[in-house]
Amino acid sequence: MRSSTDKKIGGVCAGFAEYFDLDPTIIRVVWLLLVLFGGTGLVAYLVLWIVLPLAPAEVAHTSATATT
């Protein structure tokens, strides 16, 4: 699910970070490298932005506070 609380553009990177229990900044840097060097990162981001559902605010908030 896309994050509804910690999002910069669409919440895709923050959603991946919550799922894999990583820092969202790491995911964002990796995604930026995919866009710059791989070329497929932008298309994948747009597809995931459309396909992934938005997490409810209370679910995203409780999962974020449970890990800290």
PDB file of N, CA and C in Angstrom:
ATOM      1  N   MET A   1       0.832  -1.184   0.000  1.00  0.00           N
ATOM      2  CA  MET A   1       0.000   0.000   0.000  1.00  0.00           C
ATOM      3  C   MET A   1       0.881   1.253   0.000  1.00  0.00           C
ATOM      4  N   ARG A   2       0.383   2.272  -0.664  1.00  0.00           N
ATOM      5  CA  ARG A   2       1.074   3.556  -0.634  1.00  0.00           C
ATOM      6  C   ARG A   2       0.850   4.208   0.726  1.00  0.00           C
ATOM      7  N   SER A   3       1.838   4.910   1.204  1.00  0.00           N
ATOM      8  CA  SER A   3       1.721   5.596   2.484  1.00  0.00           C
ATOM      9  C   SER A   3       0.871   6.846   2.318  1.00  0.00           C
ATOM     10  N   SER A   4      -0.005   7.078   3.276  1.00  0.00           N
ATOM     11  CA  SER A   4      -0.820   8.290   3.231  1.00  0.00           C
ATOM     12  C   SER A   4      -0.275   9.365   4.154  1.00  0.00           C
ATOM     13  N   THR A   5       0.698   9.028   4.988  1.00  0.00           N
ATOM     14  CA  THR A   5       1.233  10.002   5.935  1.00  0.00           C
ATOM     15  C   THR A   5       2.628  10.484   5.568  1.00  0.00           C
ATOM     16  N   ASP A   6       3.483   9.606   5.073  1.00  0.00           N
ATOM     17  CA  ASP A   6       4.871   9.958   4.764  1.00  0.00           C
ATOM     18  C   ASP A   6       5.086   9.881   3.263  1.00  0.00           C
ATOM     19  N   LYS A   7       4.538  10.847   2.552  1.00  0.00           N
ATOM     20  CA  LYS A   7       4.689  10.821   1.102  1.00  0.00           C
ATOM     21  C   LYS A   7       5.227  12.146   0.609  1.00  0.00           C
ATOM     22  N   LYS A   8       6.049  12.074  -0.406  1.00  0.00           N
ATOM     23  CA  LYS A   8       6.581  13.269  -1.052  1.00  0.00           C
ATOM     24  C   LYS A   8       5.821  13.552  -2.341  1.00  0.00           C
ATOM     25  N   ILE A   9       5.593  12.522  -3.138  1.00  0.00           N
ATOM     26  CA  ILE A   9       4.832  12.677  -4.379  1.00  0.00           C
ATOM     27  C   ILE A   9       3.581  11.804  -4.309  1.00  0.00           C
ATOM     28  N   GLY A  10       3.766  10.500  -4.381  1.00  0.00           N
ATOM     29  CA  GLY A  10       2.619   9.599  -4.394  1.00  0.00           C
ATOM     30  C   GLY A  10       2.574   8.623  -3.240  1.00  0.00           C
ATOM     31  N   GLY A  11       3.627   8.562  -2.440  1.00  0.00           N
ATOM     32  CA  GLY A  11       3.659   7.644  -1.308  1.00  0.00           C
ATOM     33  C   GLY A  11       4.146   6.252  -1.639  1.00  0.00           C
ATOM     34  N   VAL A  12       4.618   6.036  -2.860  1.00  0.00           N
ATOM     35  CA  VAL A  12       5.065   4.705  -3.277  1.00  0.00           C
ATOM     36  C   VAL A  12       6.331   4.301  -2.527  1.00  0.00           C
ATOM     37  N   CYS A  13       7.318   5.169  -2.465  1.00  0.00           N
ATOM     38  CA  CYS A  13       8.579   4.835  -1.791  1.00  0.00           C
ATOM     39  C   CYS A  13       8.367   4.621  -0.301  1.00  0.00           C
ATOM     40  N   ALA A  14       7.557   5.444   0.326  1.00  0.00           N
ATOM     41  CA  ALA A  14       7.276   5.281   1.754  1.00  0.00           C
ATOM     42  C   ALA A  14       6.505   3.991   2.008  1.00  0.00           C
ATOM     43  N   GLY A  15       5.633   3.613   1.089  1.00  0.00           N
ATOM     44  CA  GLY A  15       4.917   2.352   1.220  1.00  0.00           C
ATOM     45  C   GLY A  15       5.850   1.159   1.129  1.00  0.00           C
ATOM     46  N   PHE A  16       6.798   1.202   0.196  1.00  0.00           N
ATOM     47  CA  PHE A  16       7.803   0.146   0.099  1.00  0.00           C
ATOM     48  C   PHE A  16       8.662   0.114   1.365  1.00  0.00           C
ATOM     49  N   ALA A  17       9.005   1.280   1.886  1.00  0.00           N
ATOM     50  CA  ALA A  17       9.827   1.345   3.093  1.00  0.00           C
ATOM     51  C   ALA A  17       9.089   0.746   4.288  1.00  0.00           C
ATOM     52  N   GLU A  18       7.801   1.014   4.411  1.00  0.00           N
ATOM     53  CA  GLU A  18       7.018   0.419   5.495  1.00  0.00           C
ATOM     54  C   GLU A  18       6.932  -1.092   5.334  1.00  0.00           C
ATOM     55  N   TYR A  19       6.751  -1.554   4.122  1.00  0.00           N
ATOM     56  CA  TYR A  19       6.622  -2.989   3.874  1.00  0.00           C
ATOM     57  C   TYR A  19       7.914  -3.739   4.193  1.00  0.00           C
ATOM     58  N   PHE A  20       9.057  -3.182   3.770  1.00  0.00           N
ATOM     59  CA  PHE A  20      10.338  -3.836   3.981  1.00  0.00           C
ATOM     60  C   PHE A  20      11.022  -3.392   5.279  1.00  0.00           C
ATOM     61  N   ASP A  21      10.367  -2.541   6.070  1.00  0.00           N
ATOM     62  CA  ASP A  21      10.874  -2.048   7.344  1.00  0.00           C
ATOM     63  C   ASP A  21      12.239  -1.385   7.174  1.00  0.00           C
ATOM     64  N   LEU A  22      12.303  -0.443   6.219  1.00  0.00           N
ATOM     65  CA  LEU A  22      13.513   0.313   5.935  1.00  0.00           C
ATOM     66  C   LEU A  22      13.216   1.804   6.062  1.00  0.00           C
ATOM     67  N   ASP A  23      14.276   2.591   6.022  1.00  0.00           N
ATOM     68  CA  ASP A  23      14.132   4.040   6.028  1.00  0.00           C
ATOM     69  C   ASP A  23      13.642   4.493   4.644  1.00  0.00           C
ATOM     70  N   PRO A  24      12.626   5.346   4.581  1.00  0.00           N
ATOM     71  CA  PRO A  24      12.129   5.803   3.277  1.00  0.00           C
ATOM     72  C   PRO A  24      13.183   6.518   2.435  1.00  0.00           C
ATOM     73  N   THR A  25      14.155   7.152   3.076  1.00  0.00           N
ATOM     74  CA  THR A  25      15.198   7.849   2.331  1.00  0.00           C
ATOM     75  C   THR A  25      16.026   6.881   1.501  1.00  0.00           C
ATOM     76  N   ILE A  26      16.285   5.702   2.036  1.00  0.00           N
ATOM     77  CA  ILE A  26      17.049   4.690   1.294  1.00  0.00           C
ATOM     78  C   ILE A  26      16.290   4.277   0.041  1.00  0.00           C
ATOM     79  N   ILE A  27      15.007   4.035   0.182  1.00  0.00           N
ATOM     80  CA  ILE A  27      14.182   3.638  -0.965  1.00  0.00           C
ATOM     81  C   ILE A  27      14.135   4.762  -1.991  1.00  0.00           C
ATOM     82  N   ARG A  28      14.015   6.000  -1.531  1.00  0.00           N
ATOM     83  CA  ARG A  28      13.955   7.134  -2.457  1.00  0.00           C
ATOM     84  C   ARG A  28      15.261   7.298  -3.231  1.00  0.00           C
ATOM     85  N   VAL A  29      16.392   7.093  -2.563  1.00  0.00           N
ATOM     86  CA  VAL A  29      17.690   7.199  -3.252  1.00  0.00           C
ATOM     87  C   VAL A  29      17.838   6.086  -4.286  1.00  0.00           C
ATOM     88  N   VAL A  30      17.452   4.867  -3.927  1.00  0.00           N
ATOM     89  CA  VAL A  30      17.524   3.750  -4.875  1.00  0.00           C
ATOM     90  C   VAL A  30      16.614   4.032  -6.070  1.00  0.00           C
ATOM     91  N   TRP A  31      15.420   4.545  -5.799  1.00  0.00           N
ATOM     92  CA  TRP A  31      14.486   4.848  -6.887  1.00  0.00           C
ATOM     93  C   TRP A  31      15.043   5.936  -7.793  1.00  0.00           C
ATOM     94  N   LEU A  32      15.691   6.941  -7.207  1.00  0.00           N
ATOM     95  CA  LEU A  32      16.299   7.998  -8.005  1.00  0.00           C
ATOM     96  C   LEU A  32      17.407   7.439  -8.894  1.00  0.00           C
ATOM     97  N   LEU A  33      18.204   6.522  -8.350  1.00  0.00           N
ATOM     98  CA  LEU A  33      19.251   5.887  -9.160  1.00  0.00           C
ATOM     99  C   LEU A  33      18.651   5.073 -10.301  1.00  0.00           C
ATOM    100  N   LEU A  34      17.523   4.397 -10.046  1.00  0.00           N
ATOM    101  CA  LEU A  34      16.856   3.666 -11.124  1.00  0.00           C
ATOM    102  C   LEU A  34      16.357   4.599 -12.219  1.00  0.00           C
ATOM    103  N   VAL A  35      15.868   5.758 -11.816  1.00  0.00           N
ATOM    104  CA  VAL A  35      15.384   6.726 -12.809  1.00  0.00           C
ATOM    105  C   VAL A  35      16.552   7.271 -13.627  1.00  0.00           C
ATOM    106  N   LEU A  36      17.642   7.616 -12.951  1.00  0.00           N
ATOM    107  CA  LEU A  36      18.762   8.244 -13.652  1.00  0.00           C
ATOM    108  C   LEU A  36      19.564   7.269 -14.502  1.00  0.00           C
ATOM    109  N   PHE A  37      19.795   6.059 -13.997  1.00  0.00           N
ATOM    110  CA  PHE A  37      20.671   5.135 -14.703  1.00  0.00           C
ATOM    111  C   PHE A  37      19.937   4.011 -15.418  1.00  0.00           C
ATOM    112  N   GLY A  38      18.811   3.583 -14.884  1.00  0.00           N
ATOM    113  CA  GLY A  38      18.090   2.478 -15.492  1.00  0.00           C
ATOM    114  C   GLY A  38      17.059   2.925 -16.510  1.00  0.00           C
ATOM    115  N   GLY A  39      16.451   4.073 -16.237  1.00  0.00           N
ATOM    116  CA  GLY A  39      15.443   4.587 -17.155  1.00  0.00           C
ATOM    117  C   GLY A  39      14.054   4.025 -16.936  1.00  0.00           C
ATOM    118  N   THR A  40      13.932   2.900 -16.239  1.00  0.00           N
ATOM    119  CA  THR A  40      12.614   2.292 -16.042  1.00  0.00           C
ATOM    120  C   THR A  40      11.987   2.693 -14.712  1.00  0.00           C
ATOM    121  N   GLY A  41      12.729   3.397 -13.870  1.00  0.00           N
ATOM    122  CA  GLY A  41      12.223   3.774 -12.558  1.00  0.00           C
ATOM    123  C   GLY A  41      11.015   4.683 -12.618  1.00  0.00           C
ATOM    124  N   LEU A  42      11.000   5.611 -13.540  1.00  0.00           N
ATOM    125  CA  LEU A  42       9.879   6.548 -13.656  1.00  0.00           C
ATOM    126  C   LEU A  42       8.608   5.834 -14.104  1.00  0.00           C
ATOM    127  N   VAL A  43       8.719   4.959 -15.069  1.00  0.00           N
ATOM    128  CA  VAL A  43       7.559   4.208 -15.551  1.00  0.00           C
ATOM    129  C   VAL A  43       7.034   3.288 -14.448  1.00  0.00           C
ATOM    130  N   ALA A  44       7.946   2.619 -13.742  1.00  0.00           N
ATOM    131  CA  ALA A  44       7.533   1.732 -12.650  1.00  0.00           C
ATOM    132  C   ALA A  44       6.856   2.518 -11.541  1.00  0.00           C
ATOM    133  N   TYR A  45       7.377   3.694 -11.212  1.00  0.00           N
ATOM    134  CA  TYR A  45       6.769   4.524 -10.177  1.00  0.00           C
ATOM    135  C   TYR A  45       5.347   4.932 -10.573  1.00  0.00           C
ATOM    136  N   LEU A  46       5.187   5.366 -11.800  1.00  0.00           N
ATOM    137  CA  LEU A  46       3.857   5.787 -12.256  1.00  0.00           C
ATOM    138  C   LEU A  46       2.863   4.633 -12.253  1.00  0.00           C
ATOM    139  N   VAL A  47       3.300   3.454 -12.676  1.00  0.00           N
ATOM    140  CA  VAL A  47       2.427   2.279 -12.668  1.00  0.00           C
ATOM    141  C   VAL A  47       2.041   1.922 -11.236  1.00  0.00           C
ATOM    142  N   LEU A  48       3.019   1.901 -10.330  1.00  0.00           N
ATOM    143  CA  LEU A  48       2.724   1.570  -8.938  1.00  0.00           C
ATOM    144  C   LEU A  48       1.850   2.632  -8.279  1.00  0.00           C
ATOM    145  N   TRP A  49       2.018   3.889  -8.648  1.00  0.00           N
ATOM    146  CA  TRP A  49       1.191   4.967  -8.113  1.00  0.00           C
ATOM    147  C   TRP A  49      -0.276   4.740  -8.482  1.00  0.00           C
ATOM    148  N   ILE A  50      -0.514   4.232  -9.682  1.00  0.00           N
ATOM    149  CA  ILE A  50      -1.881   3.965 -10.139  1.00  0.00           C
ATOM    150  C   ILE A  50      -2.429   2.679  -9.534  1.00  0.00           C
ATOM    151  N   VAL A  51      -1.603   1.636  -9.445  1.00  0.00           N
ATOM    152  CA  VAL A  51      -2.065   0.304  -9.056  1.00  0.00           C
ATOM    153  C   VAL A  51      -2.202   0.138  -7.543  1.00  0.00           C
ATOM    154  N   LEU A  52      -1.249   0.645  -6.772  1.00  0.00           N
ATOM    155  CA  LEU A  52      -1.267   0.427  -5.325  1.00  0.00           C
ATOM    156  C   LEU A  52      -2.344   1.261  -4.645  1.00  0.00           C
ATOM    157  N   PRO A  53      -3.092   0.651  -3.738  1.00  0.00           N
ATOM    158  CA  PRO A  53      -4.109   1.420  -3.019  1.00  0.00           C
ATOM    159  C   PRO A  53      -3.466   2.298  -1.951  1.00  0.00           C
ATOM    160  N   LEU A  54      -4.141   3.376  -1.608  1.00  0.00           N
ATOM    161  CA  LEU A  54      -3.677   4.290  -0.577  1.00  0.00           C
ATOM    162  C   LEU A  54      -4.038   3.724   0.787  1.00  0.00           C
ATOM    163  N   ALA A  55      -3.061   3.654   1.686  1.00  0.00           N
ATOM    164  CA  ALA A  55      -3.301   3.127   3.027  1.00  0.00           C
ATOM    165  C   ALA A  55      -4.144   4.115   3.818  1.00  0.00           C
ATOM    166  N   PRO A  56      -5.075   3.623   4.606  1.00  0.00           N
ATOM    167  CA  PRO A  56      -5.829   4.533   5.486  1.00  0.00           C
ATOM    168  C   PRO A  56      -4.876   5.222   6.459  1.00  0.00           C
ATOM    169  N   ALA A  57      -5.178   6.436   6.837  1.00  0.00           N
ATOM    170  CA  ALA A  57      -4.276   7.224   7.689  1.00  0.00           C
ATOM    171  C   ALA A  57      -4.029   6.551   9.030  1.00  0.00           C
ATOM    172  N   GLU A  58      -5.042   5.965   9.627  1.00  0.00           N
ATOM    173  CA  GLU A  58      -4.849   5.353  10.938  1.00  0.00           C
ATOM    174  C   GLU A  58      -4.036   4.062  10.863  1.00  0.00           C
ATOM    175  N   VAL A  59      -4.136   3.309   9.769  1.00  0.00           N
ATOM    176  CA  VAL A  59      -3.348   2.085   9.615  1.00  0.00           C
ATOM    177  C   VAL A  59      -1.885   2.431   9.402  1.00  0.00           C
ATOM    178  N   ALA A  60      -1.598   3.398   8.554  1.00  0.00           N
ATOM    179  CA  ALA A  60      -0.224   3.795   8.297  1.00  0.00           C
ATOM    180  C   ALA A  60       0.396   4.403   9.540  1.00  0.00           C
ATOM    181  N   HIS A  61      -0.368   5.161  10.297  1.00  0.00           N
ATOM    182  CA  HIS A  61       0.149   5.808  11.488  1.00  0.00           C
ATOM    183  C   HIS A  61       0.465   4.789  12.584  1.00  0.00           C
ATOM    184  N   THR A  62      -0.396   3.802  12.782  1.00  0.00           N
ATOM    185  CA  THR A  62      -0.164   2.804  13.828  1.00  0.00           C
ATOM    186  C   THR A  62       0.991   1.888  13.473  1.00  0.00           C
ATOM    187  N   SER A  63       1.166   1.558  12.192  1.00  0.00           N
ATOM    188  CA  SER A  63       2.291   0.707  11.832  1.00  0.00           C
ATOM    189  C   SER A  63       3.607   1.462  11.933  1.00  0.00           C
ATOM    190  N   ALA A  64       3.583   2.768  11.688  1.00  0.00           N
ATOM    191  CA  ALA A  64       4.801   3.565  11.806  1.00  0.00           C
ATOM    192  C   ALA A  64       5.194   3.743  13.267  1.00  0.00           C
ATOM    193  N   THR A  65       4.233   3.894  14.157  1.00  0.00           N
ATOM    194  CA  THR A  65       4.568   4.075  15.563  1.00  0.00           C
ATOM    195  C   THR A  65       4.893   2.761  16.237  1.00  0.00           C
ATOM    196  N   ALA A  66       4.434   1.654  15.713  1.00  0.00           N
ATOM    197  CA  ALA A  66       4.720   0.363  16.321  1.00  0.00           C
ATOM    198  C   ALA A  66       6.165  -0.034  16.123  1.00  0.00           C
ATOM    199  N   THR A  67       6.805   0.435  15.042  1.00  0.00           N
ATOM    200  CA  THR A  67       8.175   0.045  14.768  1.00  0.00           C
ATOM    201  C   THR A  67       9.169   0.945  15.494  1.00  0.00           C
ATOM    202  N   THR A  68       8.728   2.122  15.989  1.00  0.00           N
ATOM    203  CA  THR A  68       9.665   3.010  16.669  1.00  0.00           C
ATOM    204  C   THR A  68       9.555   2.915  18.148  1.00  0.00           C
TER     205      THR A  68
END
